[in-house]
Amino acid sequence: MSFYFPGNKVPVTVRSTRDFMGFLLQARKVSNDEVAGTFVF
């Protein structure tokens, strides 16, 4: 998705060419780098 509306659900995919063990994923506002929204799946 290149855009969303408030309240929308947005699919997010992480792809890697190598195995990894750990990660930390967040959505952040472009305007001030604050963490925003919630993950529902």
PDB file of all heavy atoms in Angstrom:
ATOM      1  N   MET A   1       0.847  -1.196   0.000  1.00  0.00           N
ATOM      2  CA  MET A   1       0.000   0.000   0.000  1.00  0.00           C
ATOM      3  C   MET A   1       0.884   1.247   0.000  1.00  0.00           C
ATOM      4  O   MET A   1       1.830   1.330   0.772  1.00  0.00           O
ATOM      5  CB  MET A   1      -0.912   0.008   1.235  1.00  0.00           C
ATOM      6  CG  MET A   1      -1.890  -1.169   1.239  1.00  0.00           C
ATOM      7  SD  MET A   1      -2.852  -1.288   2.766  1.00  0.00           S
ATOM      8  CE  MET A   1      -3.903   0.151   2.636  1.00  0.00           C
ATOM      9  N   SER A   2       0.573   2.197  -0.860  1.00  0.00           N
ATOM     10  CA  SER A   2       1.331   3.451  -0.868  1.00  0.00           C
ATOM     11  C   SER A   2       0.629   4.521  -0.045  1.00  0.00           C
ATOM     12  O   SER A   2       1.206   5.567   0.238  1.00  0.00           O
ATOM     13  CB  SER A   2       1.541   3.935  -2.304  1.00  0.00           C
ATOM     14  OG  SER A   2       0.297   4.076  -2.948  1.00  0.00           O
ATOM     15  N   PHE A   3      -0.635   4.258   0.342  1.00  0.00           N
ATOM     16  CA  PHE A   3      -1.350   5.183   1.220  1.00  0.00           C
ATOM     17  C   PHE A   3      -2.342   4.407   2.068  1.00  0.00           C
ATOM     18  O   PHE A   3      -2.635   3.243   1.795  1.00  0.00           O
ATOM     19  CB  PHE A   3      -2.061   6.277   0.416  1.00  0.00           C
ATOM     20  CG  PHE A   3      -3.162   5.767  -0.472  1.00  0.00           C
ATOM     21  CD1 PHE A   3      -4.465   5.654   0.008  1.00  0.00           C
ATOM     22  CD2 PHE A   3      -2.894   5.399  -1.788  1.00  0.00           C
ATOM     23  CE1 PHE A   3      -5.477   5.165  -0.814  1.00  0.00           C
ATOM     24  CE2 PHE A   3      -3.899   4.918  -2.608  1.00  0.00           C
ATOM     25  CZ  PHE A   3      -5.197   4.796  -2.119  1.00  0.00           C
ATOM     26  N   TYR A   4      -2.826   5.054   3.127  1.00  0.00           N
ATOM     27  CA  TYR A   4      -3.800   4.439   4.019  1.00  0.00           C
ATOM     28  C   TYR A   4      -4.731   5.529   4.537  1.00  0.00           C
ATOM     29  O   TYR A   4      -4.437   6.727   4.432  1.00  0.00           O
ATOM     30  CB  TYR A   4      -3.102   3.739   5.201  1.00  0.00           C
ATOM     31  CG  TYR A   4      -2.553   4.710   6.216  1.00  0.00           C
ATOM     32  CD1 TYR A   4      -3.287   5.036   7.360  1.00  0.00           C
ATOM     33  CD2 TYR A   4      -1.338   5.341   6.030  1.00  0.00           C
ATOM     34  CE1 TYR A   4      -2.812   5.956   8.281  1.00  0.00           C
ATOM     35  CE2 TYR A   4      -0.853   6.253   6.939  1.00  0.00           C
ATOM     36  CZ  TYR A   4      -1.590   6.559   8.068  1.00  0.00           C
ATOM     37  OH  TYR A   4      -1.119   7.479   8.965  1.00  0.00           O
ATOM     38  N   PHE A   5      -5.851   5.121   5.079  1.00  0.00           N
ATOM     39  CA  PHE A   5      -6.789   6.015   5.746  1.00  0.00           C
ATOM     40  C   PHE A   5      -6.764   5.700   7.241  1.00  0.00           C
ATOM     41  O   PHE A   5      -6.468   4.560   7.620  1.00  0.00           O
ATOM     42  CB  PHE A   5      -8.214   5.821   5.206  1.00  0.00           C
ATOM     43  CG  PHE A   5      -8.382   6.297   3.796  1.00  0.00           C
ATOM     44  CD1 PHE A   5      -8.222   5.407   2.730  1.00  0.00           C
ATOM     45  CD2 PHE A   5      -8.696   7.616   3.522  1.00  0.00           C
ATOM     46  CE1 PHE A   5      -8.363   5.841   1.418  1.00  0.00           C
ATOM     47  CE2 PHE A   5      -8.840   8.054   2.210  1.00  0.00           C
ATOM     48  CZ  PHE A   5      -8.675   7.167   1.158  1.00  0.00           C
ATOM     49  N   PRO A   6      -7.065   6.680   8.109  1.00  0.00           N
ATOM     50  CA  PRO A   6      -7.131   6.375   9.543  1.00  0.00           C
ATOM     51  C   PRO A   6      -8.033   5.167   9.794  1.00  0.00           C
ATOM     52  O   PRO A   6      -9.082   5.019   9.178  1.00  0.00           O
ATOM     53  CB  PRO A   6      -7.724   7.648  10.140  1.00  0.00           C
ATOM     54  CG  PRO A   6      -7.255   8.734   9.213  1.00  0.00           C
ATOM     55  CD  PRO A   6      -7.332   8.106   7.834  1.00  0.00           C
ATOM     56  N   GLY A   7      -7.571   4.272  10.663  1.00  0.00           N
ATOM     57  CA  GLY A   7      -8.314   3.065  10.992  1.00  0.00           C
ATOM     58  C   GLY A   7      -8.062   1.889  10.070  1.00  0.00           C
ATOM     59  O   GLY A   7      -8.484   0.769  10.360  1.00  0.00           O
ATOM     60  N   ASN A   8      -7.366   2.117   8.938  1.00  0.00           N
ATOM     61  CA  ASN A   8      -7.068   1.029   7.993  1.00  0.00           C
ATOM     62  C   ASN A   8      -6.094   0.010   8.572  1.00  0.00           C
ATOM     63  O   ASN A   8      -5.270   0.331   9.421  1.00  0.00           O
ATOM     64  CB  ASN A   8      -6.407   1.569   6.726  1.00  0.00           C
ATOM     65  CG  ASN A   8      -7.366   2.043   5.660  1.00  0.00           C
ATOM     66  OD1 ASN A   8      -6.935   2.683   4.721  1.00  0.00           O
ATOM     67  ND2 ASN A   8      -8.648   1.760   5.755  1.00  0.00           N
ATOM     68  N   LYS A   9      -6.188  -1.210   8.026  1.00  0.00           N
ATOM     69  CA  LYS A   9      -5.205  -2.248   8.318  1.00  0.00           C
ATOM     70  C   LYS A   9      -4.241  -2.311   7.136  1.00  0.00           C
ATOM     71  O   LYS A   9      -4.664  -2.325   5.982  1.00  0.00           O
ATOM     72  CB  LYS A   9      -5.891  -3.586   8.543  1.00  0.00           C
ATOM     73  CG  LYS A   9      -6.698  -3.605   9.830  1.00  0.00           C
ATOM     74  CD  LYS A   9      -7.396  -4.924  10.027  1.00  0.00           C
ATOM     75  CE  LYS A   9      -8.194  -4.889  11.332  1.00  0.00           C
ATOM     76  NZ  LYS A   9      -9.055  -6.066  11.459  1.00  0.00           N
ATOM     77  N   VAL A  10      -2.954  -2.340   7.446  1.00  0.00           N
ATOM     78  CA  VAL A  10      -1.915  -2.304   6.420  1.00  0.00           C
ATOM     79  C   VAL A  10      -1.039  -3.557   6.546  1.00  0.00           C
ATOM     80  O   VAL A  10      -0.436  -3.787   7.595  1.00  0.00           O
ATOM     81  CB  VAL A  10      -1.038  -1.037   6.587  1.00  0.00           C
ATOM     82  CG1 VAL A  10       0.101  -1.022   5.577  1.00  0.00           C
ATOM     83  CG2 VAL A  10      -1.887   0.227   6.484  1.00  0.00           C
ATOM     84  N   PRO A  11      -0.964  -4.370   5.476  1.00  0.00           N
ATOM     85  CA  PRO A  11      -0.065  -5.535   5.523  1.00  0.00           C
ATOM     86  C   PRO A  11       1.391  -5.093   5.409  1.00  0.00           C
ATOM     87  O   PRO A  11       1.712  -4.196   4.633  1.00  0.00           O
ATOM     88  CB  PRO A  11      -0.487  -6.360   4.306  1.00  0.00           C
ATOM     89  CG  PRO A  11      -1.127  -5.379   3.378  1.00  0.00           C
ATOM     90  CD  PRO A  11      -1.704  -4.279   4.226  1.00  0.00           C
ATOM     91  N   VAL A  12       2.244  -5.717   6.197  1.00  0.00           N
ATOM     92  CA  VAL A  12       3.675  -5.393   6.204  1.00  0.00           C
ATOM     93  C   VAL A  12       4.439  -6.693   6.014  1.00  0.00           C
ATOM     94  O   VAL A  12       4.150  -7.693   6.678  1.00  0.00           O
ATOM     95  CB  VAL A  12       4.094  -4.740   7.539  1.00  0.00           C
ATOM     96  CG1 VAL A  12       5.579  -4.405   7.540  1.00  0.00           C
ATOM     97  CG2 VAL A  12       3.253  -3.507   7.819  1.00  0.00           C
ATOM     98  N   THR A  13       5.410  -6.678   5.112  1.00  0.00           N
ATOM     99  CA  THR A  13       6.195  -7.876   4.830  1.00  0.00           C
ATOM    100  C   THR A  13       7.667  -7.584   5.067  1.00  0.00           C
ATOM    101  O   THR A  13       8.175  -6.543   4.648  1.00  0.00           O
ATOM    102  CB  THR A  13       5.995  -8.314   3.365  1.00  0.00           C
ATOM    103  OG1 THR A  13       4.592  -8.477   3.129  1.00  0.00           O
ATOM    104  CG2 THR A  13       6.701  -9.623   3.088  1.00  0.00           C
ATOM    105  N   VAL A  14       8.323  -8.505   5.726  1.00  0.00           N
ATOM    106  CA  VAL A  14       9.772  -8.443   5.926  1.00  0.00           C
ATOM    107  C   VAL A  14      10.369  -9.599   5.133  1.00  0.00           C
ATOM    108  O   VAL A  14       9.950 -10.744   5.293  1.00  0.00           O
ATOM    109  CB  VAL A  14      10.140  -8.571   7.421  1.00  0.00           C
ATOM    110  CG1 VAL A  14      11.649  -8.652   7.600  1.00  0.00           C
ATOM    111  CG2 VAL A  14       9.554  -7.403   8.208  1.00  0.00           C
ATOM    112  N   ARG A  15      11.305  -9.287   4.254  1.00  0.00           N
ATOM    113  CA  ARG A  15      11.960 -10.297   3.425  1.00  0.00           C
ATOM    114  C   ARG A  15      13.472 -10.228   3.667  1.00  0.00           C
ATOM    115  O   ARG A  15      14.032  -9.141   3.795  1.00  0.00           O
ATOM    116  CB  ARG A  15      11.700 -10.046   1.938  1.00  0.00           C
ATOM    117  CG  ARG A  15      10.239 -10.079   1.573  1.00  0.00           C
ATOM    118  CD  ARG A  15       9.859 -11.438   1.015  1.00  0.00           C
ATOM    119  NE  ARG A  15       8.481 -11.442   0.575  1.00  0.00           N
ATOM    120  CZ  ARG A  15       7.513 -12.088   1.211  1.00  0.00           C
ATOM    121  NH1 ARG A  15       7.771 -12.751   2.308  1.00  0.00           N
ATOM    122  NH2 ARG A  15       6.284 -12.071   0.758  1.00  0.00           N
ATOM    123  N   SER A  16      14.100 -11.399   3.690  1.00  0.00           N
ATOM    124  CA  SER A  16      15.532 -11.462   3.920  1.00  0.00           C
ATOM    125  C   SER A  16      16.160 -12.507   3.010  1.00  0.00           C
ATOM    126  O   SER A  16      15.555 -13.538   2.736  1.00  0.00           O
ATOM    127  CB  SER A  16      15.805 -11.818   5.382  1.00  0.00           C
ATOM    128  OG  SER A  16      17.183 -11.993   5.588  1.00  0.00           O
ATOM    129  N   THR A  17      17.375 -12.257   2.570  1.00  0.00           N
ATOM    130  CA  THR A  17      18.099 -13.239   1.766  1.00  0.00           C
ATOM    131  C   THR A  17      18.953 -14.139   2.648  1.00  0.00           C
ATOM    132  O   THR A  17      19.547 -15.088   2.162  1.00  0.00           O
ATOM    133  CB  THR A  17      18.998 -12.550   0.726  1.00  0.00           C
ATOM    134  OG1 THR A  17      19.904 -11.684   1.413  1.00  0.00           O
ATOM    135  CG2 THR A  17      18.163 -11.766  -0.272  1.00  0.00           C
ATOM    136  N   ARG A  18      19.025 -13.822   3.950  1.00  0.00           N
ATOM    137  CA  ARG A  18      19.777 -14.638   4.907  1.00  0.00           C
ATOM    138  C   ARG A  18      18.925 -14.842   6.157  1.00  0.00           C
ATOM    139  O   ARG A  18      18.068 -14.039   6.477  1.00  0.00           O
ATOM    140  CB  ARG A  18      21.056 -13.926   5.344  1.00  0.00           C
ATOM    141  CG  ARG A  18      22.057 -13.739   4.267  1.00  0.00           C
ATOM    142  CD  ARG A  18      23.331 -13.203   4.886  1.00  0.00           C
ATOM    143  NE  ARG A  18      24.000 -12.318   3.951  1.00  0.00           N
ATOM    144  CZ  ARG A  18      24.922 -11.455   4.293  1.00  0.00           C
ATOM    145  NH1 ARG A  18      25.285 -11.310   5.540  1.00  0.00           N
ATOM    146  NH2 ARG A  18      25.495 -10.698   3.383  1.00  0.00           N
ATOM    147  N   ASP A  19      19.213 -15.909   6.874  1.00  0.00           N
ATOM    148  CA  ASP A  19      18.520 -16.158   8.137  1.00  0.00           C
ATOM    149  C   ASP A  19      18.909 -15.107   9.173  1.00  0.00           C
ATOM    150  O   ASP A  19      20.051 -14.646   9.189  1.00  0.00           O
ATOM    151  CB  ASP A  19      18.896 -17.538   8.689  1.00  0.00           C
ATOM    152  CG  ASP A  19      18.377 -18.675   7.828  1.00  0.00           C
ATOM    153  OD1 ASP A  19      17.358 -18.472   7.134  1.00  0.00           O
ATOM    154  OD2 ASP A  19      18.981 -19.753   7.859  1.00  0.00           O
ATOM    155  N   PHE A  20      17.966 -14.767  10.037  1.00  0.00           N
ATOM    156  CA  PHE A  20      18.255 -13.924  11.192  1.00  0.00           C
ATOM    157  C   PHE A  20      17.492 -14.475  12.382  1.00  0.00           C
ATOM    158  O   PHE A  20      16.546 -15.238  12.231  1.00  0.00           O
ATOM    159  CB  PHE A  20      17.919 -12.448  10.921  1.00  0.00           C
ATOM    160  CG  PHE A  20      16.469 -12.177  10.578  1.00  0.00           C
ATOM    161  CD1 PHE A  20      15.547 -11.881  11.574  1.00  0.00           C
ATOM    162  CD2 PHE A  20      16.031 -12.196   9.259  1.00  0.00           C
ATOM    163  CE1 PHE A  20      14.215 -11.619  11.261  1.00  0.00           C
ATOM    164  CE2 PHE A  20      14.711 -11.931   8.936  1.00  0.00           C
ATOM    165  CZ  PHE A  20      13.796 -11.641   9.943  1.00  0.00           C
ATOM    166  N   MET A  21      17.921 -14.084  13.582  1.00  0.00           N
ATOM    167  CA  MET A  21      17.307 -14.627  14.798  1.00  0.00           C
ATOM    168  C   MET A  21      16.339 -13.639  15.442  1.00  0.00           C
ATOM    169  O   MET A  21      15.264 -14.016  15.867  1.00  0.00           O
ATOM    170  CB  MET A  21      18.384 -15.004  15.812  1.00  0.00           C
ATOM    171  CG  MET A  21      19.178 -16.216  15.401  1.00  0.00           C
ATOM    172  SD  MET A  21      20.211 -16.859  16.738  1.00  0.00           S
ATOM    173  CE  MET A  21      21.303 -15.501  17.054  1.00  0.00           C
ATOM    174  N   GLY A  22      16.743 -12.397  15.552  1.00  0.00           N
ATOM    175  CA  GLY A  22      15.936 -11.437  16.300  1.00  0.00           C
ATOM    176  C   GLY A  22      15.546 -10.239  15.478  1.00  0.00           C
ATOM    177  O   GLY A  22      16.179  -9.921  14.469  1.00  0.00           O
ATOM    178  N   PHE A  23      14.475  -9.563  15.921  1.00  0.00           N
ATOM    179  CA  PHE A  23      14.038  -8.350  15.228  1.00  0.00           C
ATOM    180  C   PHE A  23      13.196  -7.492  16.152  1.00  0.00           C
ATOM    181  O   PHE A  23      12.702  -7.946  17.179  1.00  0.00           O
ATOM    182  CB  PHE A  23      13.257  -8.691  13.951  1.00  0.00           C
ATOM    183  CG  PHE A  23      11.908  -9.307  14.222  1.00  0.00           C
ATOM    184  CD1 PHE A  23      10.767  -8.513  14.336  1.00  0.00           C
ATOM    185  CD2 PHE A  23      11.776 -10.675  14.361  1.00  0.00           C
ATOM    186  CE1 PHE A  23       9.532  -9.089  14.590  1.00  0.00           C
ATOM    187  CE2 PHE A  23      10.541 -11.256  14.620  1.00  0.00           C
ATOM    188  CZ  PHE A  23       9.416 -10.463  14.729  1.00  0.00           C
ATOM    189  N   LEU A  24      13.043  -6.241  15.754  1.00  0.00           N
ATOM    190  CA  LEU A  24      12.163  -5.280  16.411  1.00  0.00           C
ATOM    191  C   LEU A  24      11.525  -4.465  15.295  1.00  0.00           C
ATOM    192  O   LEU A  24      12.236  -3.874  14.485  1.00  0.00           O
ATOM    193  CB  LEU A  24      12.961  -4.374  17.352  1.00  0.00           C
ATOM    194  CG  LEU A  24      12.157  -3.428  18.222  1.00  0.00           C
ATOM    195  CD1 LEU A  24      11.441  -4.203  19.326  1.00  0.00           C
ATOM    196  CD2 LEU A  24      13.066  -2.384  18.864  1.00  0.00           C
ATOM    197  N   LEU A  25      10.192  -4.462  15.214  1.00  0.00           N
ATOM    198  CA  LEU A  25       9.463  -3.805  14.127  1.00  0.00           C
ATOM    199  C   LEU A  25       8.508  -2.763  14.692  1.00  0.00           C
ATOM    200  O   LEU A  25       7.782  -3.037  15.648  1.00  0.00           O
ATOM    201  CB  LEU A  25       8.676  -4.845  13.329  1.00  0.00           C
ATOM    202  CG  LEU A  25       7.753  -4.335  12.217  1.00  0.00           C
ATOM    203  CD1 LEU A  25       8.560  -3.713  11.072  1.00  0.00           C
ATOM    204  CD2 LEU A  25       6.882  -5.472  11.700  1.00  0.00           C
ATOM    205  N   GLN A  26       8.507  -1.564  14.092  1.00  0.00           N
ATOM    206  CA  GLN A  26       7.615  -0.476  14.502  1.00  0.00           C
ATOM    207  C   GLN A  26       7.169   0.322  13.290  1.00  0.00           C
ATOM    208  O   GLN A  26       7.857   0.368  12.276  1.00  0.00           O
ATOM    209  CB  GLN A  26       8.335   0.503  15.446  1.00  0.00           C
ATOM    210  CG  GLN A  26       8.805  -0.090  16.738  1.00  0.00           C
ATOM    211  CD  GLN A  26       9.601   0.903  17.573  1.00  0.00           C
ATOM    212  OE1 GLN A  26      10.293   1.767  17.065  1.00  0.00           O
ATOM    213  NE2 GLN A  26       9.513   0.742  18.884  1.00  0.00           N
ATOM    214  N   ALA A  27       6.013   0.985  13.432  1.00  0.00           N
ATOM    215  CA  ALA A  27       5.592   2.020  12.483  1.00  0.00           C
ATOM    216  C   ALA A  27       5.870   3.344  13.182  1.00  0.00           C
ATOM    217  O   ALA A  27       5.605   3.488  14.379  1.00  0.00           O
ATOM    218  CB  ALA A  27       4.110   1.890  12.162  1.00  0.00           C
ATOM    219  N   ARG A  28       6.395   4.313  12.440  1.00  0.00           N
ATOM    220  CA  ARG A  28       6.712   5.622  13.019  1.00  0.00           C
ATOM    221  C   ARG A  28       6.200   6.738  12.122  1.00  0.00           C
ATOM    222  O   ARG A  28       6.235   6.637  10.905  1.00  0.00           O
ATOM    223  CB  ARG A  28       8.220   5.775  13.207  1.00  0.00           C
ATOM    224  CG  ARG A  28       8.766   4.861  14.302  1.00  0.00           C
ATOM    225  CD  ARG A  28      10.275   4.975  14.415  1.00  0.00           C
ATOM    226  NE  ARG A  28      10.744   4.228  15.563  1.00  0.00           N
ATOM    227  CZ  ARG A  28      11.304   4.782  16.637  1.00  0.00           C
ATOM    228  NH1 ARG A  28      11.487   6.087  16.688  1.00  0.00           N
ATOM    229  NH2 ARG A  28      11.690   4.039  17.637  1.00  0.00           N
ATOM    230  N   LYS A  29       5.749   7.806  12.777  1.00  0.00           N
ATOM    231  CA  LYS A  29       5.292   8.983  12.051  1.00  0.00           C
ATOM    232  C   LYS A  29       6.494   9.638  11.368  1.00  0.00           C
ATOM    233  O   LYS A  29       7.548   9.819  11.980  1.00  0.00           O
ATOM    234  CB  LYS A  29       4.675  10.002  13.007  1.00  0.00           C
ATOM    235  CG  LYS A  29       3.460   9.517  13.763  1.00  0.00           C
ATOM    236  CD  LYS A  29       2.996  10.619  14.716  1.00  0.00           C
ATOM    237  CE  LYS A  29       2.026  10.114  15.740  1.00  0.00           C
ATOM    238  NZ  LYS A  29       1.660  11.168  16.711  1.00  0.00           N
ATOM    239  N   VAL A  30       6.317  10.013  10.112  1.00  0.00           N
ATOM    240  CA  VAL A  30       7.384  10.693   9.378  1.00  0.00           C
ATOM    241  C   VAL A  30       7.648  12.067  10.002  1.00  0.00           C
ATOM    242  O   VAL A  30       8.790  12.506  10.095  1.00  0.00           O
ATOM    243  CB  VAL A  30       7.016  10.818   7.881  1.00  0.00           C
ATOM    244  CG1 VAL A  30       7.999  11.717   7.146  1.00  0.00           C
ATOM    245  CG2 VAL A  30       6.963   9.433   7.237  1.00  0.00           C
ATOM    246  N   SER A  31       6.613  12.730  10.487  1.00  0.00           N
ATOM    247  CA  SER A  31       6.738  14.094  11.002  1.00  0.00           C
ATOM    248  C   SER A  31       7.620  14.216  12.236  1.00  0.00           C
ATOM    249  O   SER A  31       8.361  15.185  12.366  1.00  0.00           O
ATOM    250  CB  SER A  31       5.355  14.674  11.317  1.00  0.00           C
ATOM    251  OG  SER A  31       4.731  13.890  12.337  1.00  0.00           O
ATOM    252  N   ASN A  32       7.555  13.232  13.149  1.00  0.00           N
ATOM    253  CA  ASN A  32       8.308  13.401  14.399  1.00  0.00           C
ATOM    254  C   ASN A  32       8.954  12.105  14.905  1.00  0.00           C
ATOM    255  O   ASN A  32       9.449  12.068  16.023  1.00  0.00           O
ATOM    256  CB  ASN A  32       7.414  13.991  15.488  1.00  0.00           C
ATOM    257  CG  ASN A  32       6.222  13.104  15.792  1.00  0.00           C
ATOM    258  OD1 ASN A  32       6.138  11.973  15.334  1.00  0.00           O
ATOM    259  ND2 ASN A  32       5.298  13.635  16.572  1.00  0.00           N
ATOM    260  N   ASP A  33       8.932  11.041  14.114  1.00  0.00           N
ATOM    261  CA  ASP A  33       9.571   9.766  14.453  1.00  0.00           C
ATOM    262  C   ASP A  33       8.929   9.052  15.644  1.00  0.00           C
ATOM    263  O   ASP A  33       9.504   8.139  16.209  1.00  0.00           O
ATOM    264  CB  ASP A  33      11.079   9.962  14.692  1.00  0.00           C
ATOM    265  CG  ASP A  33      11.870   8.674  14.478  1.00  0.00           C
ATOM    266  OD1 ASP A  33      11.567   7.937  13.527  1.00  0.00           O
ATOM    267  OD2 ASP A  33      12.781   8.397  15.285  1.00  0.00           O
ATOM    268  N   GLU A  34       7.712   9.430  16.038  1.00  0.00           N
ATOM    269  CA  GLU A  34       7.026   8.763  17.142  1.00  0.00           C
ATOM    270  C   GLU A  34       6.433   7.436  16.665  1.00  0.00           C
ATOM    271  O   GLU A  34       5.924   7.339  15.557  1.00  0.00           O
ATOM    272  CB  GLU A  34       5.883   9.624  17.691  1.00  0.00           C
ATOM    273  CG  GLU A  34       6.337  10.787  18.531  1.00  0.00           C
ATOM    274  CD  GLU A  34       5.158  11.587  19.074  1.00  0.00           C
ATOM    275  OE1 GLU A  34       3.977  11.227  18.826  1.00  0.00           O
ATOM    276  OE2 GLU A  34       5.417  12.605  19.735  1.00  0.00           O
ATOM    277  N   VAL A  35       6.487   6.437  17.541  1.00  0.00           N
ATOM    278  CA  VAL A  35       5.883   5.140  17.254  1.00  0.00           C
ATOM    279  C   VAL A  35       4.368   5.319  17.220  1.00  0.00           C
ATOM    280  O   VAL A  35       3.805   6.047  18.043  1.00  0.00           O
ATOM    281  CB  VAL A  35       6.290   4.108  18.327  1.00  0.00           C
ATOM    282  CG1 VAL A  35       5.624   2.766  18.075  1.00  0.00           C
ATOM    283  CG2 VAL A  35       7.811   3.956  18.354  1.00  0.00           C
ATOM    284  N   ALA A  36       3.715   4.670  16.247  1.00  0.00           N
ATOM    285  CA  ALA A  36       2.271   4.877  16.069  1.00  0.00           C
ATOM    286  C   ALA A  36       1.569   3.592  15.659  1.00  0.00           C
ATOM    287  O   ALA A  36       2.161   2.707  15.044  1.00  0.00           O
ATOM    288  CB  ALA A  36       2.038   5.943  15.000  1.00  0.00           C
ATOM    289  N   GLY A  37       0.291   3.505  15.989  1.00  0.00           N
ATOM    290  CA  GLY A  37      -0.535   2.377  15.575  1.00  0.00           C
ATOM    291  C   GLY A  37      -0.257   1.122  16.382  1.00  0.00           C
ATOM    292  O   GLY A  37       0.543   1.122  17.323  1.00  0.00           O
ATOM    293  N   THR A  38      -0.941   0.043  15.997  1.00  0.00           N
ATOM    294  CA  THR A  38      -0.776  -1.235  16.685  1.00  0.00           C
ATOM    295  C   THR A  38      -0.734  -2.360  15.663  1.00  0.00           C
ATOM    296  O   THR A  38      -1.302  -2.253  14.572  1.00  0.00           O
ATOM    297  CB  THR A  38      -1.941  -1.509  17.663  1.00  0.00           C
ATOM    298  OG1 THR A  38      -3.169  -1.449  16.932  1.00  0.00           O
ATOM    299  CG2 THR A  38      -1.971  -0.498  18.792  1.00  0.00           C
ATOM    300  N   PHE A  39      -0.072  -3.425  16.030  1.00  0.00           N
ATOM    301  CA  PHE A  39      -0.034  -4.598  15.167  1.00  0.00           C
ATOM    302  C   PHE A  39      -1.162  -5.528  15.585  1.00  0.00           C
ATOM    303  O   PHE A  39      -1.341  -5.822  16.765  1.00  0.00           O
ATOM    304  CB  PHE A  39       1.328  -5.288  15.253  1.00  0.00           C
ATOM    305  CG  PHE A  39       2.401  -4.506  14.546  1.00  0.00           C
ATOM    306  CD1 PHE A  39       3.128  -3.528  15.214  1.00  0.00           C
ATOM    307  CD2 PHE A  39       2.652  -4.718  13.201  1.00  0.00           C
ATOM    308  CE1 PHE A  39       4.093  -2.778  14.557  1.00  0.00           C
ATOM    309  CE2 PHE A  39       3.619  -3.972  12.530  1.00  0.00           C
ATOM    310  CZ  PHE A  39       4.339  -3.006  13.214  1.00  0.00           C
ATOM    311  N   VAL A  40      -1.961  -5.968  14.595  1.00  0.00           N
ATOM    312  CA  VAL A  40      -3.127  -6.813  14.883  1.00  0.00           C
ATOM    313  C   VAL A  40      -2.936  -8.243  14.379  1.00  0.00           C
ATOM    314  O   VAL A  40      -3.735  -9.115  14.689  1.00  0.00           O
ATOM    315  CB  VAL A  40      -4.427  -6.200  14.308  1.00  0.00           C
ATOM    316  CG1 VAL A  40      -4.750  -4.901  15.029  1.00  0.00           C
ATOM    317  CG2 VAL A  40      -4.325  -5.979  12.807  1.00  0.00           C
ATOM    318  N   PHE A  41      -1.894  -8.469  13.599  1.00  0.00           N
ATOM    319  CA  PHE A  41      -1.543  -9.830  13.189  1.00  0.00           C
ATOM    320  C   PHE A  41      -0.031  -9.937  13.204  1.00  0.00           C
ATOM    321  O   PHE A  41       0.663  -9.088  12.640  1.00  0.00           O
ATOM    322  CB  PHE A  41      -2.059 -10.171  11.786  1.00  0.00           C
ATOM    323  CG  PHE A  41      -1.557 -11.512  11.308  1.00  0.00           C
ATOM    324  CD1 PHE A  41      -2.183 -12.678  11.721  1.00  0.00           C
ATOM    325  CD2 PHE A  41      -0.431 -11.596  10.492  1.00  0.00           C
ATOM    326  CE1 PHE A  41      -1.692 -13.926  11.306  1.00  0.00           C
ATOM    327  CE2 PHE A  41       0.056 -12.835  10.078  1.00  0.00           C
ATOM    328  CZ  PHE A  41      -0.579 -13.999  10.487  1.00  0.00           C
TER     329      PHE A  41
END
